[in-house]
mmCIF file of all heavy atoms, coordinates in Angstrom:
data_MODEL
# 
_entry.id   MODEL 
# 
loop_
_atom_site.group_PDB 
_atom_site.id 
_atom_site.type_symbol 
_atom_site.label_atom_id 
_atom_site.label_alt_id 
_atom_site.label_comp_id 
_atom_site.label_asym_id 
_atom_site.label_entity_id 
_atom_site.label_seq_id 
_atom_site.pdbx_PDB_ins_code 
_atom_site.Cartn_x 
_atom_site.Cartn_y 
_atom_site.Cartn_z 
_atom_site.occupancy 
_atom_site.B_iso_or_equiv 
_atom_site.pdbx_formal_charge 
_atom_site.auth_seq_id 
_atom_site.auth_comp_id 
_atom_site.auth_asym_id 
_atom_site.auth_atom_id 
_atom_site.pdbx_PDB_model_num 
ATOM 1   N N   . LEU A 1 1  ? 26.218 -61.942 -52.992 1.00 0.00 ? 1  LEU A N   1 
ATOM 2   C CA  . LEU A 1 1  ? 25.673 -60.749 -52.475 1.00 0.00 ? 1  LEU A CA  1 
ATOM 3   C C   . LEU A 1 1  ? 24.150 -60.668 -52.923 1.00 0.00 ? 1  LEU A C   1 
ATOM 4   O O   . LEU A 1 1  ? 23.262 -60.140 -52.144 1.00 0.00 ? 1  LEU A O   1 
ATOM 5   C CB  . LEU A 1 1  ? 26.390 -59.522 -53.012 1.00 0.00 ? 1  LEU A CB  1 
ATOM 6   C CG  . LEU A 1 1  ? 27.861 -59.453 -52.562 1.00 0.00 ? 1  LEU A CG  1 
ATOM 7   C CD1 . LEU A 1 1  ? 28.492 -58.220 -53.050 1.00 0.00 ? 1  LEU A CD1 1 
ATOM 8   C CD2 . LEU A 1 1  ? 27.870 -59.526 -50.927 1.00 0.00 ? 1  LEU A CD2 1 
ATOM 9   N N   . ASP A 1 2  ? 23.746 -61.119 -54.161 1.00 0.00 ? 2  ASP A N   1 
ATOM 10  C CA  . ASP A 1 2  ? 22.282 -61.157 -54.556 1.00 0.00 ? 2  ASP A CA  1 
ATOM 11  C C   . ASP A 1 2  ? 21.448 -62.004 -53.596 1.00 0.00 ? 2  ASP A C   1 
ATOM 12  O O   . ASP A 1 2  ? 20.411 -61.683 -53.368 1.00 0.00 ? 2  ASP A O   1 
ATOM 13  C CB  . ASP A 1 2  ? 22.191 -61.632 -56.063 1.00 0.00 ? 2  ASP A CB  1 
ATOM 14  C CG  . ASP A 1 2  ? 22.789 -60.574 -56.967 1.00 0.00 ? 2  ASP A CG  1 
ATOM 15  O OD1 . ASP A 1 2  ? 22.657 -59.242 -56.640 1.00 0.00 ? 2  ASP A OD1 1 
ATOM 16  O OD2 . ASP A 1 2  ? 23.444 -60.935 -58.043 1.00 0.00 ? 2  ASP A OD2 1 
ATOM 17  N N   . GLU A 1 3  ? 21.992 -63.203 -53.287 1.00 0.00 ? 3  GLU A N   1 
ATOM 18  C CA  . GLU A 1 3  ? 21.292 -64.095 -52.466 1.00 0.00 ? 3  GLU A CA  1 
ATOM 19  C C   . GLU A 1 3  ? 21.186 -63.421 -51.060 1.00 0.00 ? 3  GLU A C   1 
ATOM 20  O O   . GLU A 1 3  ? 20.165 -63.439 -50.369 1.00 0.00 ? 3  GLU A O   1 
ATOM 21  C CB  . GLU A 1 3  ? 21.975 -65.391 -52.340 1.00 0.00 ? 3  GLU A CB  1 
ATOM 22  C CG  . GLU A 1 3  ? 21.892 -66.257 -53.525 1.00 0.00 ? 3  GLU A CG  1 
ATOM 23  C CD  . GLU A 1 3  ? 22.670 -67.530 -53.464 1.00 0.00 ? 3  GLU A CD  1 
ATOM 24  O OE1 . GLU A 1 3  ? 22.271 -68.476 -52.675 1.00 0.00 ? 3  GLU A OE1 1 
ATOM 25  O OE2 . GLU A 1 3  ? 23.722 -67.615 -54.219 1.00 0.00 ? 3  GLU A OE2 1 
ATOM 26  N N   . TRP A 1 4  ? 22.188 -62.761 -50.548 1.00 0.00 ? 4  TRP A N   1 
ATOM 27  C CA  . TRP A 1 4  ? 22.230 -62.181 -49.305 1.00 0.00 ? 4  TRP A CA  1 
ATOM 28  C C   . TRP A 1 4  ? 21.162 -61.002 -49.413 1.00 0.00 ? 4  TRP A C   1 
ATOM 29  O O   . TRP A 1 4  ? 20.357 -60.798 -48.393 1.00 0.00 ? 4  TRP A O   1 
ATOM 30  C CB  . TRP A 1 4  ? 23.609 -61.461 -48.935 1.00 0.00 ? 4  TRP A CB  1 
ATOM 31  C CG  . TRP A 1 4  ? 23.701 -60.725 -47.703 1.00 0.00 ? 4  TRP A CG  1 
ATOM 32  C CD1 . TRP A 1 4  ? 23.613 -61.172 -46.443 1.00 0.00 ? 4  TRP A CD1 1 
ATOM 33  C CD2 . TRP A 1 4  ? 23.780 -59.335 -47.636 1.00 0.00 ? 4  TRP A CD2 1 
ATOM 34  N NE1 . TRP A 1 4  ? 23.697 -60.169 -45.569 1.00 0.00 ? 4  TRP A NE1 1 
ATOM 35  C CE2 . TRP A 1 4  ? 23.751 -58.925 -46.328 1.00 0.00 ? 4  TRP A CE2 1 
ATOM 36  C CE3 . TRP A 1 4  ? 23.980 -58.336 -48.585 1.00 0.00 ? 4  TRP A CE3 1 
ATOM 37  C CZ2 . TRP A 1 4  ? 23.916 -57.554 -45.894 1.00 0.00 ? 4  TRP A CZ2 1 
ATOM 38  C CZ3 . TRP A 1 4  ? 24.050 -56.984 -48.211 1.00 0.00 ? 4  TRP A CZ3 1 
ATOM 39  C CH2 . TRP A 1 4  ? 24.138 -56.677 -46.811 1.00 0.00 ? 4  TRP A CH2 1 
ATOM 40  N N   . LEU A 1 5  ? 21.132 -60.177 -50.391 1.00 0.00 ? 5  LEU A N   1 
ATOM 41  C CA  . LEU A 1 5  ? 20.125 -59.082 -50.459 1.00 0.00 ? 5  LEU A CA  1 
ATOM 42  C C   . LEU A 1 5  ? 18.785 -59.675 -50.476 1.00 0.00 ? 5  LEU A C   1 
ATOM 43  O O   . LEU A 1 5  ? 17.885 -59.000 -49.922 1.00 0.00 ? 5  LEU A O   1 
ATOM 44  C CB  . LEU A 1 5  ? 20.498 -58.385 -51.725 1.00 0.00 ? 5  LEU A CB  1 
ATOM 45  C CG  . LEU A 1 5  ? 19.852 -57.037 -51.837 1.00 0.00 ? 5  LEU A CG  1 
ATOM 46  C CD1 . LEU A 1 5  ? 20.259 -56.083 -50.786 1.00 0.00 ? 5  LEU A CD1 1 
ATOM 47  C CD2 . LEU A 1 5  ? 20.244 -56.366 -53.208 1.00 0.00 ? 5  LEU A CD2 1 
ATOM 48  N N   . GLY A 1 6  ? 18.588 -60.855 -51.004 1.00 0.00 ? 6  GLY A N   1 
ATOM 49  C CA  . GLY A 1 6  ? 17.165 -61.485 -51.045 1.00 0.00 ? 6  GLY A CA  1 
ATOM 50  C C   . GLY A 1 6  ? 16.724 -61.828 -49.552 1.00 0.00 ? 6  GLY A C   1 
ATOM 51  O O   . GLY A 1 6  ? 15.570 -62.168 -49.409 1.00 0.00 ? 6  GLY A O   1 
ATOM 52  N N   . LEU A 1 7  ? 17.645 -61.748 -48.647 1.00 0.00 ? 7  LEU A N   1 
ATOM 53  C CA  . LEU A 1 7  ? 17.138 -62.083 -47.215 1.00 0.00 ? 7  LEU A CA  1 
ATOM 54  C C   . LEU A 1 7  ? 16.443 -60.872 -46.624 1.00 0.00 ? 7  LEU A C   1 
ATOM 55  O O   . LEU A 1 7  ? 15.910 -60.959 -45.493 1.00 0.00 ? 7  LEU A O   1 
ATOM 56  C CB  . LEU A 1 7  ? 18.446 -62.515 -46.336 1.00 0.00 ? 7  LEU A CB  1 
ATOM 57  C CG  . LEU A 1 7  ? 19.109 -63.761 -46.790 1.00 0.00 ? 7  LEU A CG  1 
ATOM 58  C CD1 . LEU A 1 7  ? 20.214 -63.993 -45.787 1.00 0.00 ? 7  LEU A CD1 1 
ATOM 59  C CD2 . LEU A 1 7  ? 18.061 -64.971 -46.752 1.00 0.00 ? 7  LEU A CD2 1 
ATOM 60  N N   . PHE A 1 8  ? 16.557 -59.781 -47.322 1.00 0.00 ? 8  PHE A N   1 
ATOM 61  C CA  . PHE A 1 8  ? 15.984 -58.432 -46.694 1.00 0.00 ? 8  PHE A CA  1 
ATOM 62  C C   . PHE A 1 8  ? 14.534 -58.318 -47.125 1.00 0.00 ? 8  PHE A C   1 
ATOM 63  O O   . PHE A 1 8  ? 14.180 -58.500 -48.207 1.00 0.00 ? 8  PHE A O   1 
ATOM 64  C CB  . PHE A 1 8  ? 16.884 -57.324 -47.078 1.00 0.00 ? 8  PHE A CB  1 
ATOM 65  C CG  . PHE A 1 8  ? 18.079 -57.173 -46.376 1.00 0.00 ? 8  PHE A CG  1 
ATOM 66  C CD1 . PHE A 1 8  ? 19.277 -58.073 -46.786 1.00 0.00 ? 8  PHE A CD1 1 
ATOM 67  C CD2 . PHE A 1 8  ? 18.258 -56.407 -45.180 1.00 0.00 ? 8  PHE A CD2 1 
ATOM 68  C CE1 . PHE A 1 8  ? 20.439 -57.992 -46.026 1.00 0.00 ? 8  PHE A CE1 1 
ATOM 69  C CE2 . PHE A 1 8  ? 19.528 -56.387 -44.681 1.00 0.00 ? 8  PHE A CE2 1 
ATOM 70  C CZ  . PHE A 1 8  ? 20.594 -57.254 -44.861 1.00 0.00 ? 8  PHE A CZ  1 
ATOM 71  N N   . HIS A 1 9  ? 13.742 -57.685 -46.116 1.00 0.00 ? 9  HIS A N   1 
ATOM 72  C CA  . HIS A 1 9  ? 12.422 -57.263 -46.338 1.00 0.00 ? 9  HIS A CA  1 
ATOM 73  C C   . HIS A 1 9  ? 12.504 -56.044 -47.185 1.00 0.00 ? 9  HIS A C   1 
ATOM 74  O O   . HIS A 1 9  ? 13.332 -55.254 -47.270 1.00 0.00 ? 9  HIS A O   1 
ATOM 75  C CB  . HIS A 1 9  ? 11.812 -56.842 -44.947 1.00 0.00 ? 9  HIS A CB  1 
ATOM 76  C CG  . HIS A 1 9  ? 10.518 -56.616 -45.011 1.00 0.00 ? 9  HIS A CG  1 
ATOM 77  N ND1 . HIS A 1 9  ? 9.864  -55.241 -45.336 1.00 0.00 ? 9  HIS A ND1 1 
ATOM 78  C CD2 . HIS A 1 9  ? 9.344  -57.396 -44.773 1.00 0.00 ? 9  HIS A CD2 1 
ATOM 79  C CE1 . HIS A 1 9  ? 8.560  -55.439 -45.266 1.00 0.00 ? 9  HIS A CE1 1 
ATOM 80  N NE2 . HIS A 1 9  ? 8.193  -56.599 -44.884 1.00 0.00 ? 9  HIS A NE2 1 
ATOM 81  N N   . PRO A 1 10 ? 11.474 -55.754 -48.133 1.00 0.00 ? 10 PRO A N   1 
ATOM 82  C CA  . PRO A 1 10 ? 11.437 -54.703 -48.991 1.00 0.00 ? 10 PRO A CA  1 
ATOM 83  C C   . PRO A 1 10 ? 11.443 -53.304 -48.236 1.00 0.00 ? 10 PRO A C   1 
ATOM 84  O O   . PRO A 1 10 ? 12.136 -52.332 -48.854 1.00 0.00 ? 10 PRO A O   1 
ATOM 85  C CB  . PRO A 1 10 ? 10.141 -54.774 -49.695 1.00 0.00 ? 10 PRO A CB  1 
ATOM 86  C CG  . PRO A 1 10 ? 9.653  -56.219 -49.684 1.00 0.00 ? 10 PRO A CG  1 
ATOM 87  C CD  . PRO A 1 10 ? 10.249 -56.648 -48.327 1.00 0.00 ? 10 PRO A CD  1 
ATOM 88  N N   . GLU A 1 11 ? 11.140 -53.296 -47.129 1.00 0.00 ? 11 GLU A N   1 
ATOM 89  C CA  . GLU A 1 11 ? 11.080 -52.029 -46.256 1.00 0.00 ? 11 GLU A CA  1 
ATOM 90  C C   . GLU A 1 11 ? 12.432 -52.052 -45.229 1.00 0.00 ? 11 GLU A C   1 
ATOM 91  O O   . GLU A 1 11 ? 12.348 -51.264 -44.258 1.00 0.00 ? 11 GLU A O   1 
ATOM 92  C CB  . GLU A 1 11 ? 9.853  -51.790 -45.518 1.00 0.00 ? 11 GLU A CB  1 
ATOM 93  C CG  . GLU A 1 11 ? 8.776  -51.618 -46.476 1.00 0.00 ? 11 GLU A CG  1 
ATOM 94  C CD  . GLU A 1 11 ? 7.328  -51.624 -45.658 1.00 0.00 ? 11 GLU A CD  1 
ATOM 95  O OE1 . GLU A 1 11 ? 7.450  -51.480 -44.427 1.00 0.00 ? 11 GLU A OE1 1 
ATOM 96  O OE2 . GLU A 1 11 ? 6.264  -51.619 -46.325 1.00 0.00 ? 11 GLU A OE2 1 
ATOM 97  N N   . ALA A 1 12 ? 13.334 -52.805 -45.465 1.00 0.00 ? 12 ALA A N   1 
ATOM 98  C CA  . ALA A 1 12 ? 14.507 -53.029 -44.532 1.00 0.00 ? 12 ALA A CA  1 
ATOM 99  C C   . ALA A 1 12 ? 15.350 -51.726 -44.422 1.00 0.00 ? 12 ALA A C   1 
ATOM 100 O O   . ALA A 1 12 ? 15.362 -50.888 -45.408 1.00 0.00 ? 12 ALA A O   1 
ATOM 101 C CB  . ALA A 1 12 ? 15.320 -54.151 -44.937 1.00 0.00 ? 12 ALA A CB  1 
ATOM 102 N N   . VAL A 1 13 ? 15.987 -51.582 -43.342 1.00 0.00 ? 13 VAL A N   1 
ATOM 103 C CA  . VAL A 1 13 ? 16.959 -50.629 -43.035 1.00 0.00 ? 13 VAL A CA  1 
ATOM 104 C C   . VAL A 1 13 ? 18.215 -51.255 -42.556 1.00 0.00 ? 13 VAL A C   1 
ATOM 105 O O   . VAL A 1 13 ? 18.169 -52.227 -41.906 1.00 0.00 ? 13 VAL A O   1 
ATOM 106 C CB  . VAL A 1 13 ? 16.510 -49.570 -42.162 1.00 0.00 ? 13 VAL A CB  1 
ATOM 107 C CG1 . VAL A 1 13 ? 16.204 -50.061 -40.743 1.00 0.00 ? 13 VAL A CG1 1 
ATOM 108 C CG2 . VAL A 1 13 ? 17.421 -48.343 -42.069 1.00 0.00 ? 13 VAL A CG2 1 
ATOM 109 N N   . TYR A 1 14 ? 19.488 -50.786 -43.039 1.00 0.00 ? 14 TYR A N   1 
ATOM 110 C CA  . TYR A 1 14 ? 20.674 -51.311 -42.759 1.00 0.00 ? 14 TYR A CA  1 
ATOM 111 C C   . TYR A 1 14 ? 21.504 -50.247 -41.944 1.00 0.00 ? 14 TYR A C   1 
ATOM 112 O O   . TYR A 1 14 ? 21.665 -49.165 -42.723 1.00 0.00 ? 14 TYR A O   1 
ATOM 113 C CB  . TYR A 1 14 ? 21.356 -51.944 -43.810 1.00 0.00 ? 14 TYR A CB  1 
ATOM 114 C CG  . TYR A 1 14 ? 22.691 -52.464 -43.634 1.00 0.00 ? 14 TYR A CG  1 
ATOM 115 C CD1 . TYR A 1 14 ? 23.000 -53.380 -42.579 1.00 0.00 ? 14 TYR A CD1 1 
ATOM 116 C CD2 . TYR A 1 14 ? 23.812 -52.315 -44.569 1.00 0.00 ? 14 TYR A CD2 1 
ATOM 117 C CE1 . TYR A 1 14 ? 24.280 -53.907 -42.324 1.00 0.00 ? 14 TYR A CE1 1 
ATOM 118 C CE2 . TYR A 1 14 ? 25.009 -52.833 -44.420 1.00 0.00 ? 14 TYR A CE2 1 
ATOM 119 C CZ  . TYR A 1 14 ? 25.309 -53.671 -43.228 1.00 0.00 ? 14 TYR A CZ  1 
ATOM 120 O OH  . TYR A 1 14 ? 26.537 -54.171 -43.129 1.00 0.00 ? 14 TYR A OH  1 
ATOM 121 N N   . LEU A 1 15 ? 21.999 -50.295 -40.712 1.00 0.00 ? 15 LEU A N   1 
ATOM 122 C CA  . LEU A 1 15 ? 22.455 -49.262 -40.132 1.00 0.00 ? 15 LEU A CA  1 
ATOM 123 C C   . LEU A 1 15 ? 23.857 -49.666 -39.405 1.00 0.00 ? 15 LEU A C   1 
ATOM 124 O O   . LEU A 1 15 ? 24.006 -50.716 -38.800 1.00 0.00 ? 15 LEU A O   1 
ATOM 125 C CB  . LEU A 1 15 ? 21.645 -48.866 -38.836 1.00 0.00 ? 15 LEU A CB  1 
ATOM 126 C CG  . LEU A 1 15 ? 20.187 -48.365 -39.069 1.00 0.00 ? 15 LEU A CG  1 
ATOM 127 C CD1 . LEU A 1 15 ? 19.498 -48.369 -37.792 1.00 0.00 ? 15 LEU A CD1 1 
ATOM 128 C CD2 . LEU A 1 15 ? 20.300 -46.948 -39.739 1.00 0.00 ? 15 LEU A CD2 1 
ATOM 129 N N   . ILE A 1 16 ? 24.906 -48.756 -39.482 1.00 0.00 ? 16 ILE A N   1 
ATOM 130 C CA  . ILE A 1 16 ? 26.004 -48.845 -38.775 1.00 0.00 ? 16 ILE A CA  1 
ATOM 131 C C   . ILE A 1 16 ? 26.334 -47.554 -38.283 1.00 0.00 ? 16 ILE A C   1 
ATOM 132 O O   . ILE A 1 16 ? 26.838 -46.621 -38.959 1.00 0.00 ? 16 ILE A O   1 
ATOM 133 C CB  . ILE A 1 16 ? 27.228 -49.290 -39.856 1.00 0.00 ? 16 ILE A CB  1 
ATOM 134 C CG1 . ILE A 1 16 ? 27.024 -50.612 -40.372 1.00 0.00 ? 16 ILE A CG1 1 
ATOM 135 C CG2 . ILE A 1 16 ? 28.462 -49.526 -38.843 1.00 0.00 ? 16 ILE A CG2 1 
ATOM 136 C CD1 . ILE A 1 16 ? 27.977 -51.004 -41.404 1.00 0.00 ? 16 ILE A CD1 1 
ATOM 137 N N   . PRO A 1 17 ? 26.051 -47.275 -36.955 1.00 0.00 ? 17 PRO A N   1 
ATOM 138 C CA  . PRO A 1 17 ? 26.335 -46.169 -36.338 1.00 0.00 ? 17 PRO A CA  1 
ATOM 139 C C   . PRO A 1 17 ? 27.856 -45.983 -36.124 1.00 0.00 ? 17 PRO A C   1 
ATOM 140 O O   . PRO A 1 17 ? 28.567 -46.947 -36.042 1.00 0.00 ? 17 PRO A O   1 
ATOM 141 C CB  . PRO A 1 17 ? 25.561 -46.126 -34.970 1.00 0.00 ? 17 PRO A CB  1 
ATOM 142 C CG  . PRO A 1 17 ? 25.459 -47.533 -34.748 1.00 0.00 ? 17 PRO A CG  1 
ATOM 143 C CD  . PRO A 1 17 ? 25.383 -48.298 -36.090 1.00 0.00 ? 17 PRO A CD  1 
ATOM 144 N N   . THR A 1 18 ? 28.435 -44.791 -35.898 1.00 0.00 ? 18 THR A N   1 
ATOM 145 C CA  . THR A 1 18 ? 29.777 -44.547 -35.551 1.00 0.00 ? 18 THR A CA  1 
ATOM 146 C C   . THR A 1 18 ? 29.869 -45.123 -34.188 1.00 0.00 ? 18 THR A C   1 
ATOM 147 O O   . THR A 1 18 ? 29.083 -45.194 -33.346 1.00 0.00 ? 18 THR A O   1 
ATOM 148 C CB  . THR A 1 18 ? 30.147 -43.015 -35.463 1.00 0.00 ? 18 THR A CB  1 
ATOM 149 O OG1 . THR A 1 18 ? 29.395 -42.388 -34.438 1.00 0.00 ? 18 THR A OG1 1 
ATOM 150 C CG2 . THR A 1 18 ? 29.961 -42.358 -36.785 1.00 0.00 ? 18 THR A CG2 1 
ATOM 151 N N   . PRO A 1 19 ? 31.185 -45.844 -33.945 1.00 0.00 ? 19 PRO A N   1 
ATOM 152 C CA  . PRO A 1 19 ? 31.431 -46.442 -32.714 1.00 0.00 ? 19 PRO A CA  1 
ATOM 153 C C   . PRO A 1 19 ? 31.421 -45.478 -31.534 1.00 0.00 ? 19 PRO A C   1 
ATOM 154 O O   . PRO A 1 19 ? 31.244 -45.904 -30.375 1.00 0.00 ? 19 PRO A O   1 
ATOM 155 C CB  . PRO A 1 19 ? 32.811 -47.068 -32.931 1.00 0.00 ? 19 PRO A CB  1 
ATOM 156 C CG  . PRO A 1 19 ? 33.007 -47.216 -34.392 1.00 0.00 ? 19 PRO A CG  1 
ATOM 157 C CD  . PRO A 1 19 ? 32.074 -46.191 -35.022 1.00 0.00 ? 19 PRO A CD  1 
ATOM 158 N N   . GLU A 1 20 ? 31.562 -44.175 -31.873 1.00 0.00 ? 20 GLU A N   1 
ATOM 159 C CA  . GLU A 1 20 ? 31.724 -43.226 -30.718 1.00 0.00 ? 20 GLU A CA  1 
ATOM 160 C C   . GLU A 1 20 ? 30.382 -42.875 -30.297 1.00 0.00 ? 20 GLU A C   1 
ATOM 161 O O   . GLU A 1 20 ? 30.231 -42.273 -29.234 1.00 0.00 ? 20 GLU A O   1 
ATOM 162 C CB  . GLU A 1 20 ? 32.463 -42.049 -31.259 1.00 0.00 ? 20 GLU A CB  1 
ATOM 163 C CG  . GLU A 1 20 ? 33.972 -42.232 -31.482 1.00 0.00 ? 20 GLU A CG  1 
ATOM 164 C CD  . GLU A 1 20 ? 34.195 -42.875 -32.782 1.00 0.00 ? 20 GLU A CD  1 
ATOM 165 O OE1 . GLU A 1 20 ? 33.296 -42.889 -33.812 1.00 0.00 ? 20 GLU A OE1 1 
ATOM 166 O OE2 . GLU A 1 20 ? 35.214 -43.568 -33.086 1.00 0.00 ? 20 GLU A OE2 1 
ATOM 167 N N   . ASP A 1 21 ? 29.266 -43.047 -31.060 1.00 0.00 ? 21 ASP A N   1 
ATOM 168 C CA  . ASP A 1 21 ? 28.003 -42.624 -30.770 1.00 0.00 ? 21 ASP A CA  1 
ATOM 169 C C   . ASP A 1 21 ? 27.049 -43.768 -31.282 1.00 0.00 ? 21 ASP A C   1 
ATOM 170 O O   . ASP A 1 21 ? 26.653 -43.710 -32.429 1.00 0.00 ? 21 ASP A O   1 
ATOM 171 C CB  . ASP A 1 21 ? 27.665 -41.238 -31.285 1.00 0.00 ? 21 ASP A CB  1 
ATOM 172 C CG  . ASP A 1 21 ? 26.271 -40.752 -30.776 1.00 0.00 ? 21 ASP A CG  1 
ATOM 173 O OD1 . ASP A 1 21 ? 25.434 -41.524 -30.179 1.00 0.00 ? 21 ASP A OD1 1 
ATOM 174 O OD2 . ASP A 1 21 ? 25.980 -39.648 -31.070 1.00 0.00 ? 21 ASP A OD2 1 
ATOM 175 N N   . LEU A 1 22 ? 26.580 -44.623 -30.485 1.00 0.00 ? 22 LEU A N   1 
ATOM 176 C CA  . LEU A 1 22 ? 25.751 -45.713 -30.954 1.00 0.00 ? 22 LEU A CA  1 
ATOM 177 C C   . LEU A 1 22 ? 24.217 -45.397 -30.885 1.00 0.00 ? 22 LEU A C   1 
ATOM 178 O O   . LEU A 1 22 ? 23.520 -46.381 -30.748 1.00 0.00 ? 22 LEU A O   1 
ATOM 179 C CB  . LEU A 1 22 ? 25.996 -46.966 -30.032 1.00 0.00 ? 22 LEU A CB  1 
ATOM 180 C CG  . LEU A 1 22 ? 27.491 -47.513 -30.090 1.00 0.00 ? 22 LEU A CG  1 
ATOM 181 C CD1 . LEU A 1 22 ? 27.687 -48.636 -29.149 1.00 0.00 ? 22 LEU A CD1 1 
ATOM 182 C CD2 . LEU A 1 22 ? 27.802 -47.889 -31.479 1.00 0.00 ? 22 LEU A CD2 1 
ATOM 183 N N   . SER A 1 23 ? 23.863 -44.129 -31.068 1.00 0.00 ? 23 SER A N   1 
ATOM 184 C CA  . SER A 1 23 ? 22.507 -43.770 -30.992 1.00 0.00 ? 23 SER A CA  1 
ATOM 185 C C   . SER A 1 23 ? 21.757 -44.401 -32.111 1.00 0.00 ? 23 SER A C   1 
ATOM 186 O O   . SER A 1 23 ? 22.338 -44.680 -33.256 1.00 0.00 ? 23 SER A O   1 
ATOM 187 C CB  . SER A 1 23 ? 22.431 -42.194 -31.195 1.00 0.00 ? 23 SER A CB  1 
ATOM 188 O OG  . SER A 1 23 ? 21.020 -41.796 -31.500 1.00 0.00 ? 23 SER A OG  1 
ATOM 189 N N   . ASP A 1 24 ? 20.526 -44.573 -31.874 1.00 0.00 ? 24 ASP A N   1 
ATOM 190 C CA  . ASP A 1 24 ? 19.724 -45.166 -33.060 1.00 0.00 ? 24 ASP A CA  1 
ATOM 191 C C   . ASP A 1 24 ? 19.127 -44.209 -34.091 1.00 0.00 ? 24 ASP A C   1 
ATOM 192 O O   . ASP A 1 24 ? 18.571 -44.641 -35.096 1.00 0.00 ? 24 ASP A O   1 
ATOM 193 C CB  . ASP A 1 24 ? 18.463 -46.047 -32.448 1.00 0.00 ? 24 ASP A CB  1 
ATOM 194 C CG  . ASP A 1 24 ? 18.819 -47.352 -32.006 1.00 0.00 ? 24 ASP A CG  1 
ATOM 195 O OD1 . ASP A 1 24 ? 19.836 -47.954 -32.583 1.00 0.00 ? 24 ASP A OD1 1 
ATOM 196 O OD2 . ASP A 1 24 ? 18.148 -48.017 -31.216 1.00 0.00 ? 24 ASP A OD2 1 
ATOM 197 N N   . ASP A 1 25 ? 19.206 -43.028 -33.781 1.00 0.00 ? 25 ASP A N   1 
ATOM 198 C CA  . ASP A 1 25 ? 18.601 -41.961 -34.611 1.00 0.00 ? 25 ASP A CA  1 
ATOM 199 C C   . ASP A 1 25 ? 19.554 -41.326 -35.623 1.00 0.00 ? 25 ASP A C   1 
ATOM 200 O O   . ASP A 1 25 ? 20.377 -40.342 -35.224 1.00 0.00 ? 25 ASP A O   1 
ATOM 201 C CB  . ASP A 1 25 ? 17.936 -40.858 -33.724 1.00 0.00 ? 25 ASP A CB  1 
ATOM 202 C CG  . ASP A 1 25 ? 17.181 -39.920 -34.483 1.00 0.00 ? 25 ASP A CG  1 
ATOM 203 O OD1 . ASP A 1 25 ? 16.949 -40.021 -35.663 1.00 0.00 ? 25 ASP A OD1 1 
ATOM 204 O OD2 . ASP A 1 25 ? 16.599 -38.945 -33.805 1.00 0.00 ? 25 ASP A OD2 1 
ATOM 205 N N   . PRO A 1 26 ? 19.504 -41.790 -36.846 1.00 0.00 ? 26 PRO A N   1 
ATOM 206 C CA  . PRO A 1 26 ? 20.387 -41.232 -37.885 1.00 0.00 ? 26 PRO A CA  1 
ATOM 207 C C   . PRO A 1 26 ? 20.093 -39.796 -38.200 1.00 0.00 ? 26 PRO A C   1 
ATOM 208 O O   . PRO A 1 26 ? 20.966 -39.130 -38.801 1.00 0.00 ? 26 PRO A O   1 
ATOM 209 C CB  . PRO A 1 26 ? 20.207 -42.145 -39.050 1.00 0.00 ? 26 PRO A CB  1 
ATOM 210 C CG  . PRO A 1 26 ? 19.379 -43.344 -38.631 1.00 0.00 ? 26 PRO A CG  1 
ATOM 211 C CD  . PRO A 1 26 ? 18.831 -42.852 -37.340 1.00 0.00 ? 26 PRO A CD  1 
# 
């Protein structure tokens, strides 16, 4: 997991919208 986290940009965002509403706006 630490190596995986190292793949992310410092300003990264990780999103999982609900399957019922796949809107991009949290």
